[in-house]
């Protein structure tokens, strides 16, 4: 499988999973506005967390491929540095010190350090 094919497959997975998470977040907001029972909201939150986990796992695979040299990091930095920055900021509760998404965190840190130099 060539580099472009790997990249396109990962980007498709990331986009699809992000869309599912956004759709679930919308359903959760709507149900909150309607005053749904707490038990229903908890179920919807659990489902949202599952979709977020799927999305973050796909992004973490992309970061792994870049870190391990399967995809050229310098070419991807321009596209994904800001994406990682937004992801880490908007969902910081998933990217704390105990996070399982280490590749995202490490690659983001490496890229930020290179920018600072």
N, C-alpha and C. Protein backbone atom coordinates (compact mmCIF):
# COMPACT_ATOMS: atom_id res chain seq x y z
N UNK A 1 0.86 -1.18 0.00
CA UNK A 1 0.00 0.00 0.00
C UNK A 1 0.90 1.24 0.00
N UNK A 2 0.64 2.16 -0.90
CA UNK A 2 1.51 3.33 -0.98
C UNK A 2 1.13 4.39 0.04
N UNK A 3 1.99 5.38 0.19
CA UNK A 3 1.83 6.42 1.19
C UNK A 3 0.53 7.20 1.00
N UNK A 4 0.23 7.55 -0.25
CA UNK A 4 -0.99 8.31 -0.51
C UNK A 4 -2.23 7.51 -0.12
N UNK A 5 -2.24 6.25 -0.42
CA UNK A 5 -3.37 5.40 -0.08
C UNK A 5 -3.55 5.30 1.44
N UNK A 6 -2.46 5.14 2.15
CA UNK A 6 -2.52 5.09 3.62
C UNK A 6 -3.11 6.39 4.15
N UNK A 7 -2.59 7.51 3.65
CA UNK A 7 -3.04 8.81 4.12
C UNK A 7 -4.53 9.02 3.85
N UNK A 8 -4.95 8.69 2.65
CA UNK A 8 -6.36 8.89 2.29
C UNK A 8 -7.28 8.01 3.12
N UNK A 9 -6.86 6.78 3.36
CA UNK A 9 -7.67 5.88 4.21
C UNK A 9 -7.78 6.42 5.63
N UNK A 10 -6.68 6.89 6.18
CA UNK A 10 -6.71 7.44 7.54
C UNK A 10 -7.56 8.71 7.60
N UNK A 11 -7.40 9.57 6.62
CA UNK A 11 -8.18 10.81 6.62
C UNK A 11 -9.67 10.53 6.47
N UNK A 12 -10.03 9.55 5.67
CA UNK A 12 -11.43 9.17 5.51
C UNK A 12 -11.98 8.64 6.84
N UNK A 13 -11.22 7.79 7.49
CA UNK A 13 -11.64 7.25 8.79
C UNK A 13 -11.81 8.37 9.81
N UNK A 14 -10.87 9.30 9.83
CA UNK A 14 -10.95 10.42 10.78
C UNK A 14 -12.20 11.25 10.52
N UNK A 15 -12.43 11.58 9.27
CA UNK A 15 -13.60 12.40 8.92
C UNK A 15 -14.90 11.70 9.26
N UNK A 16 -15.01 10.43 8.90
CA UNK A 16 -16.23 9.67 9.19
C UNK A 16 -16.49 9.59 10.69
N UNK A 17 -15.46 9.34 11.44
CA UNK A 17 -15.63 9.19 12.89
C UNK A 17 -15.93 10.52 13.57
N UNK A 18 -15.32 11.58 13.06
CA UNK A 18 -15.62 12.91 13.61
C UNK A 18 -17.07 13.27 13.35
N UNK A 19 -17.56 12.98 12.16
CA UNK A 19 -18.95 13.28 11.82
C UNK A 19 -19.92 12.52 12.73
N UNK A 20 -19.62 11.27 13.03
CA UNK A 20 -20.48 10.49 13.93
C UNK A 20 -20.50 11.11 15.33
N UNK A 21 -19.32 11.54 15.80
CA UNK A 21 -19.25 12.18 17.12
C UNK A 21 -20.04 13.48 17.13
N UNK A 22 -19.92 14.26 16.07
CA UNK A 22 -20.66 15.53 16.00
C UNK A 22 -22.16 15.29 15.95
N UNK A 23 -22.59 14.28 15.20
CA UNK A 23 -24.02 13.96 15.14
C UNK A 23 -24.54 13.55 16.50
N UNK A 24 -23.77 12.72 17.21
CA UNK A 24 -24.20 12.28 18.54
C UNK A 24 -24.23 13.45 19.52
N UNK A 25 -23.27 14.36 19.42
CA UNK A 25 -23.26 15.54 20.28
C UNK A 25 -24.51 16.39 20.03
N UNK A 26 -24.92 16.48 18.78
CA UNK A 26 -26.12 17.23 18.43
C UNK A 26 -27.37 16.58 19.04
N UNK A 27 -27.46 15.26 18.95
CA UNK A 27 -28.59 14.54 19.54
C UNK A 27 -28.62 14.78 21.05
N UNK A 28 -27.47 14.71 21.69
CA UNK A 28 -27.39 14.92 23.13
C UNK A 28 -27.86 16.34 23.50
N UNK A 29 -27.41 17.34 22.76
CA UNK A 29 -27.84 18.73 23.02
C UNK A 29 -29.35 18.87 22.87
N UNK A 30 -29.90 18.29 21.81
CA UNK A 30 -31.34 18.37 21.58
C UNK A 30 -32.12 17.73 22.72
N UNK A 31 -31.67 16.58 23.16
CA UNK A 31 -32.37 15.88 24.24
C UNK A 31 -32.25 16.64 25.56
N UNK A 32 -31.13 17.28 25.79
CA UNK A 32 -30.99 18.13 26.99
C UNK A 32 -31.98 19.28 26.94
N UNK A 33 -32.08 19.90 25.77
CA UNK A 33 -33.01 21.03 25.61
C UNK A 33 -34.46 20.61 25.81
N UNK A 34 -34.78 19.38 25.42
CA UNK A 34 -36.14 18.86 25.58
C UNK A 34 -36.42 18.45 27.01
N UNK A 35 -35.37 18.39 27.84
CA UNK A 35 -35.56 17.99 29.23
C UNK A 35 -35.64 16.48 29.41
N UNK A 36 -34.92 15.75 28.60
CA UNK A 36 -34.92 14.28 28.69
C UNK A 36 -34.48 13.83 30.08
N UNK A 37 -34.97 12.67 30.52
CA UNK A 37 -34.57 12.14 31.83
C UNK A 37 -33.05 11.91 31.90
N UNK A 38 -32.51 12.04 33.09
CA UNK A 38 -31.07 11.91 33.30
C UNK A 38 -30.54 10.56 32.82
N UNK A 39 -31.31 9.50 32.99
CA UNK A 39 -30.87 8.17 32.54
C UNK A 39 -30.64 8.15 31.03
N UNK A 40 -31.53 8.80 30.30
CA UNK A 40 -31.39 8.86 28.83
C UNK A 40 -30.16 9.69 28.45
N UNK A 41 -29.95 10.79 29.15
CA UNK A 41 -28.79 11.64 28.86
C UNK A 41 -27.49 10.90 29.14
N UNK A 42 -27.47 10.09 30.20
CA UNK A 42 -26.27 9.31 30.51
C UNK A 42 -25.97 8.31 29.39
N UNK A 43 -26.99 7.68 28.86
CA UNK A 43 -26.80 6.73 27.76
C UNK A 43 -26.26 7.46 26.53
N UNK A 44 -26.83 8.61 26.21
CA UNK A 44 -26.37 9.40 25.07
C UNK A 44 -24.94 9.88 25.26
N UNK A 45 -24.58 10.25 26.49
CA UNK A 45 -23.21 10.67 26.78
C UNK A 45 -22.24 9.50 26.61
N UNK A 46 -22.64 8.32 27.06
CA UNK A 46 -21.80 7.13 26.87
C UNK A 46 -21.58 6.84 25.38
N UNK A 47 -22.65 6.97 24.61
CA UNK A 47 -22.53 6.76 23.17
C UNK A 47 -21.60 7.80 22.54
N UNK A 48 -21.75 9.06 22.96
CA UNK A 48 -20.88 10.12 22.46
C UNK A 48 -19.43 9.82 22.80
N UNK A 49 -19.18 9.41 24.02
CA UNK A 49 -17.80 9.08 24.41
C UNK A 49 -17.23 7.95 23.56
N UNK A 50 -18.06 6.99 23.19
CA UNK A 50 -17.62 5.91 22.31
C UNK A 50 -17.25 6.43 20.93
N UNK A 51 -18.05 7.33 20.39
CA UNK A 51 -17.74 7.93 19.09
C UNK A 51 -16.48 8.79 19.16
N UNK A 52 -16.34 9.53 20.25
CA UNK A 52 -15.13 10.33 20.42
C UNK A 52 -13.89 9.44 20.48
N UNK A 53 -14.00 8.34 21.22
CA UNK A 53 -12.89 7.40 21.32
C UNK A 53 -12.51 6.85 19.95
N UNK A 54 -13.50 6.49 19.14
CA UNK A 54 -13.23 6.01 17.78
C UNK A 54 -12.51 7.07 16.96
N UNK A 55 -12.98 8.31 17.06
CA UNK A 55 -12.36 9.42 16.32
C UNK A 55 -10.92 9.62 16.77
N UNK A 56 -10.71 9.71 18.08
CA UNK A 56 -9.37 9.94 18.60
C UNK A 56 -8.43 8.79 18.27
N UNK A 57 -8.92 7.57 18.26
CA UNK A 57 -8.09 6.42 17.89
C UNK A 57 -7.61 6.54 16.44
N UNK A 58 -8.49 7.00 15.54
CA UNK A 58 -8.09 7.18 14.15
C UNK A 58 -7.03 8.28 14.02
N UNK A 59 -7.21 9.36 14.75
CA UNK A 59 -6.21 10.45 14.72
C UNK A 59 -4.90 9.96 15.32
N UNK A 60 -4.99 9.17 16.38
CA UNK A 60 -3.78 8.64 17.00
C UNK A 60 -3.03 7.71 16.05
N UNK A 61 -3.74 6.95 15.23
CA UNK A 61 -3.09 6.10 14.22
C UNK A 61 -2.36 6.96 13.20
N UNK A 62 -2.99 8.06 12.79
CA UNK A 62 -2.33 8.97 11.86
C UNK A 62 -1.05 9.51 12.49
N UNK A 63 -1.14 9.95 13.73
CA UNK A 63 0.04 10.47 14.43
C UNK A 63 1.12 9.40 14.54
N UNK A 64 0.73 8.16 14.82
CA UNK A 64 1.69 7.05 14.88
C UNK A 64 2.40 6.88 13.55
N UNK A 65 1.64 6.88 12.46
CA UNK A 65 2.23 6.69 11.13
C UNK A 65 3.22 7.81 10.81
N UNK A 66 2.91 9.01 11.22
CA UNK A 66 3.82 10.13 11.00
C UNK A 66 5.05 9.98 11.87
N UNK A 67 4.87 9.66 13.14
CA UNK A 67 6.01 9.52 14.06
C UNK A 67 6.96 8.41 13.63
N UNK A 68 6.41 7.32 13.09
CA UNK A 68 7.23 6.17 12.69
C UNK A 68 7.76 6.28 11.27
N UNK A 69 7.45 7.37 10.58
CA UNK A 69 7.99 7.60 9.25
C UNK A 69 7.24 6.95 8.12
N UNK A 70 6.05 6.39 8.40
CA UNK A 70 5.25 5.81 7.32
C UNK A 70 4.65 6.91 6.44
N UNK A 71 4.46 8.07 7.05
CA UNK A 71 4.02 9.27 6.33
C UNK A 71 5.03 10.37 6.65
N UNK A 72 5.43 11.15 5.65
CA UNK A 72 6.46 12.19 5.88
C UNK A 72 5.95 13.32 6.77
N UNK A 73 6.55 13.43 7.95
CA UNK A 73 6.10 14.38 8.96
C UNK A 73 6.12 15.83 8.53
N UNK A 74 7.17 16.24 7.81
CA UNK A 74 7.26 17.64 7.42
C UNK A 74 6.11 18.04 6.50
N UNK A 75 5.68 17.14 5.65
CA UNK A 75 4.57 17.43 4.75
C UNK A 75 3.24 17.50 5.50
N UNK A 76 3.10 16.72 6.54
CA UNK A 76 1.83 16.66 7.27
C UNK A 76 1.73 17.71 8.36
N UNK A 77 2.86 18.23 8.77
CA UNK A 77 2.87 19.23 9.84
C UNK A 77 2.03 20.45 9.47
N UNK A 78 2.19 20.93 8.24
CA UNK A 78 1.45 22.12 7.81
C UNK A 78 -0.06 21.90 7.90
N UNK A 79 -0.51 20.70 7.60
CA UNK A 79 -1.94 20.40 7.62
C UNK A 79 -2.47 20.07 9.00
N UNK A 80 -1.67 19.42 9.82
CA UNK A 80 -2.21 18.85 11.04
C UNK A 80 -1.75 19.49 12.35
N UNK A 81 -0.81 20.39 12.33
CA UNK A 81 -0.40 21.02 13.59
C UNK A 81 -1.57 21.77 14.22
N UNK A 82 -2.25 22.59 13.44
CA UNK A 82 -3.40 23.33 13.97
C UNK A 82 -4.55 22.38 14.34
N UNK A 83 -4.74 21.34 13.54
CA UNK A 83 -5.79 20.34 13.82
C UNK A 83 -5.53 19.70 15.19
N UNK A 84 -4.28 19.28 15.43
CA UNK A 84 -3.93 18.67 16.72
C UNK A 84 -4.11 19.69 17.85
N UNK A 85 -3.69 20.91 17.60
CA UNK A 85 -3.82 21.97 18.61
C UNK A 85 -5.29 22.14 19.01
N UNK A 86 -6.17 22.23 18.02
CA UNK A 86 -7.60 22.38 18.30
C UNK A 86 -8.17 21.15 19.01
N UNK A 87 -7.77 19.99 18.58
CA UNK A 87 -8.24 18.75 19.19
C UNK A 87 -7.85 18.70 20.67
N UNK A 88 -6.60 19.00 20.94
CA UNK A 88 -6.11 18.95 22.32
C UNK A 88 -6.76 20.02 23.19
N UNK A 89 -7.05 21.16 22.62
CA UNK A 89 -7.67 22.25 23.37
C UNK A 89 -9.16 22.01 23.60
N UNK A 90 -9.86 21.62 22.56
CA UNK A 90 -11.31 21.45 22.65
C UNK A 90 -11.73 20.20 23.42
N UNK A 91 -10.84 19.23 23.51
CA UNK A 91 -11.17 17.97 24.19
C UNK A 91 -10.07 17.62 25.20
N UNK A 92 -9.62 18.61 25.93
CA UNK A 92 -8.47 18.41 26.80
C UNK A 92 -8.68 17.35 27.87
N UNK A 93 -9.92 17.09 28.24
CA UNK A 93 -10.17 16.07 29.26
C UNK A 93 -9.75 14.67 28.79
N UNK A 94 -9.64 14.48 27.47
CA UNK A 94 -9.22 13.19 26.92
C UNK A 94 -7.71 13.11 26.70
N UNK A 95 -7.02 14.23 26.86
CA UNK A 95 -5.60 14.28 26.53
C UNK A 95 -4.76 14.73 27.72
N UNK A 96 -5.14 14.27 28.90
CA UNK A 96 -4.38 14.61 30.10
C UNK A 96 -3.17 13.68 30.24
N UNK A 97 -2.50 13.72 31.35
CA UNK A 97 -1.30 12.92 31.56
C UNK A 97 -1.50 11.42 31.46
N UNK A 98 -2.71 10.96 31.70
CA UNK A 98 -3.01 9.52 31.66
C UNK A 98 -3.62 9.09 30.32
N UNK A 99 -3.57 9.96 29.34
CA UNK A 99 -4.23 9.69 28.06
C UNK A 99 -3.64 8.49 27.34
N UNK A 100 -4.51 7.75 26.68
CA UNK A 100 -4.05 6.63 25.86
C UNK A 100 -3.71 7.08 24.43
N UNK A 101 -3.91 8.35 24.15
CA UNK A 101 -3.64 8.89 22.81
C UNK A 101 -2.26 9.56 22.78
N UNK A 102 -1.27 8.79 23.17
CA UNK A 102 0.09 9.32 23.35
C UNK A 102 0.71 9.81 22.04
N UNK A 103 0.41 9.16 20.93
CA UNK A 103 1.03 9.56 19.67
C UNK A 103 0.62 10.98 19.27
N UNK A 104 -0.65 11.32 19.49
CA UNK A 104 -1.11 12.68 19.20
C UNK A 104 -0.36 13.67 20.07
N UNK A 105 -0.30 13.38 21.35
CA UNK A 105 0.33 14.29 22.31
C UNK A 105 1.81 14.46 22.00
N UNK A 106 2.50 13.37 21.77
CA UNK A 106 3.95 13.41 21.50
C UNK A 106 4.24 14.15 20.21
N UNK A 107 3.52 13.81 19.14
CA UNK A 107 3.77 14.46 17.85
C UNK A 107 3.46 15.96 17.93
N UNK A 108 2.37 16.31 18.57
CA UNK A 108 2.03 17.72 18.73
C UNK A 108 3.14 18.45 19.47
N UNK A 109 3.62 17.85 20.54
CA UNK A 109 4.70 18.45 21.33
C UNK A 109 5.97 18.61 20.49
N UNK A 110 6.33 17.59 19.73
CA UNK A 110 7.52 17.66 18.88
C UNK A 110 7.40 18.78 17.85
N UNK A 111 6.23 18.87 17.22
CA UNK A 111 6.03 19.91 16.20
C UNK A 111 6.06 21.30 16.82
N UNK A 112 5.46 21.45 18.00
CA UNK A 112 5.48 22.76 18.67
C UNK A 112 6.89 23.16 19.04
N UNK A 113 7.69 22.20 19.49
CA UNK A 113 9.09 22.49 19.84
C UNK A 113 9.88 22.93 18.61
N UNK A 114 9.65 22.26 17.47
CA UNK A 114 10.34 22.64 16.24
C UNK A 114 9.96 24.03 15.80
N UNK A 115 8.70 24.41 15.99
CA UNK A 115 8.25 25.75 15.63
C UNK A 115 8.89 26.79 16.53
N UNK A 116 9.12 26.43 17.80
CA UNK A 116 9.69 27.38 18.76
C UNK A 116 11.18 27.63 18.48
N UNK A 117 11.86 26.66 17.85
CA UNK A 117 13.29 26.81 17.61
C UNK A 117 13.59 27.71 16.44
